[in-house]
Amino acid sequence: MTPVENGRLAVEAYQRESFDLILMDVQMPILDGLAAATEIRALEARSGRRIPIVALTAHALDSDRDRCLAAGMDEHVTKPVDAHQLLAVIDALLAVHV
């Protein structure tokens, strides 16, 4: 697990380390989660690999989910996070990306 304080550091961590999945807070300073996910997807386009990204956000509208998916995130989980829902999302994504 590699916690970071902002989206820029999330992108940098992605470039340095190997992860099975990213939990991305949508509202982060310096570079928000949407922009960070977009940058990670652009980097992946060059590398040929794809890591699942799960958006974590208090924004629960369908339009918020659509914005997360459009930014390249694979799933959208609202806050407060329900642990069972989050684990089900993680299990489903990892089953597909193994």
Protein backbone atom coordinates (compact mmCIF):
# COMPACT_ATOMS: atom_id res chain seq x y z
CA MET A 1 0.00 0.00 0.00
CA THR A 2 1.34 3.40 -0.97
CA PRO A 3 -0.71 6.36 0.30
CA VAL A 4 -0.03 9.75 -1.31
CA GLU A 5 -1.21 13.28 -0.53
CA ASN A 6 -2.10 14.47 -4.04
CA GLY A 7 -2.71 13.40 -7.61
CA ARG A 8 0.75 14.39 -8.84
CA LEU A 9 2.30 12.05 -6.27
CA ALA A 10 -0.14 9.31 -7.33
CA VAL A 11 1.09 9.52 -10.92
CA GLU A 12 4.70 9.53 -9.74
CA ALA A 13 4.08 6.48 -7.52
CA TYR A 14 2.51 4.70 -10.50
CA GLN A 15 5.65 5.39 -12.52
CA ARG A 16 7.98 4.10 -9.78
CA GLU A 17 6.11 1.09 -8.42
CA SER A 18 4.01 -1.83 -9.58
CA PHE A 19 0.43 -2.02 -8.30
CA ASP A 20 -2.43 -4.48 -8.73
CA LEU A 21 -5.08 -1.76 -8.31
CA ILE A 22 -5.32 1.95 -7.55
CA LEU A 23 -7.88 3.48 -5.18
CA MET A 24 -8.06 7.10 -6.38
CA ASP A 25 -9.69 9.87 -4.38
CA VAL A 26 -11.35 12.19 -6.87
CA GLN A 27 -10.80 15.35 -4.82
CA MET A 28 -7.08 15.74 -4.22
CA PRO A 29 -4.90 18.84 -4.24
CA ILE A 30 -2.41 19.81 -6.96
CA LEU A 31 -3.83 17.28 -9.47
CA ASP A 32 -7.30 15.88 -8.87
CA GLY A 33 -8.09 12.19 -9.22
CA LEU A 34 -9.72 12.62 -12.62
CA ALA A 35 -6.63 14.29 -14.07
CA ALA A 36 -4.33 11.78 -12.36
CA ALA A 37 -6.29 8.85 -13.83
CA THR A 38 -6.13 10.47 -17.27
CA GLU A 39 -2.34 10.83 -16.97
CA ILE A 40 -1.95 7.23 -15.82
CA ARG A 41 -4.02 6.00 -18.78
CA ALA A 42 -1.83 8.04 -21.16
CA LEU A 43 1.30 6.45 -19.66
CA GLU A 44 -0.29 3.02 -19.99
CA ALA A 45 -0.97 3.59 -23.66
CA ARG A 46 2.78 3.65 -24.17
CA SER A 47 3.52 0.68 -21.91
CA GLY A 48 0.73 -1.62 -23.02
CA ARG A 49 -0.35 -2.51 -19.48
CA ARG A 50 -3.55 -1.53 -17.72
CA ILE A 51 -4.16 -1.28 -14.00
CA PRO A 52 -7.68 -1.08 -12.55
CA ILE A 53 -8.48 2.31 -11.01
CA VAL A 54 -11.37 2.74 -8.56
CA ALA A 55 -12.70 6.25 -7.92
CA LEU A 56 -13.51 7.09 -4.31
CA THR A 57 -15.73 10.14 -4.02
CA ALA A 58 -18.53 11.78 -2.09
CA HIS A 59 -20.11 12.71 -5.43
CA ALA A 60 -22.85 10.14 -5.95
CA LEU A 61 -24.77 11.35 -9.00
CA ASP A 62 -24.83 9.33 -12.22
CA SER A 63 -23.09 12.25 -13.93
CA ASP A 64 -20.25 12.02 -11.38
CA ARG A 65 -19.84 8.31 -12.10
CA ASP A 66 -19.83 9.08 -15.84
CA ARG A 67 -17.06 11.68 -15.38
CA CYS A 68 -14.94 9.14 -13.48
CA LEU A 69 -15.40 6.49 -16.14
CA ALA A 70 -14.68 9.02 -18.90
CA ALA A 71 -11.39 9.87 -17.16
CA GLY A 72 -10.40 6.21 -17.43
CA MET A 73 -11.43 4.87 -14.06
CA ASP A 74 -12.90 1.38 -14.03
CA GLU A 75 -15.34 1.77 -11.16
CA HIS A 76 -16.85 4.41 -8.87
CA VAL A 77 -17.43 3.94 -5.11
CA THR A 78 -19.09 6.64 -3.06
CA LYS A 79 -18.16 7.87 0.41
CA PRO A 80 -18.77 7.00 3.10
CA VAL A 81 -17.31 3.78 1.77
CA ASP A 82 -19.20 0.58 2.42
CA ALA A 83 -16.47 -2.03 3.02
CA HIS A 84 -18.48 -4.89 1.52
CA GLN A 85 -19.20 -2.89 -1.64
CA LEU A 86 -15.56 -1.82 -1.98
CA LEU A 87 -14.29 -5.37 -1.54
CA ALA A 88 -16.81 -6.66 -4.10
CA VAL A 89 -15.63 -4.03 -6.61
CA ILE A 90 -11.97 -4.88 -5.96
CA ASP A 91 -12.61 -8.63 -6.28
CA ALA A 92 -14.50 -8.15 -9.56
CA LEU A 93 -11.82 -5.93 -11.08
CA LEU A 94 -8.94 -8.14 -10.03
CA ALA A 95 -10.73 -11.23 -11.40
CA VAL A 96 -10.85 -9.54 -14.82
CA HIS A 97 -7.30 -8.11 -14.74
CA VAL A 98 -5.42 -11.20 -13.55
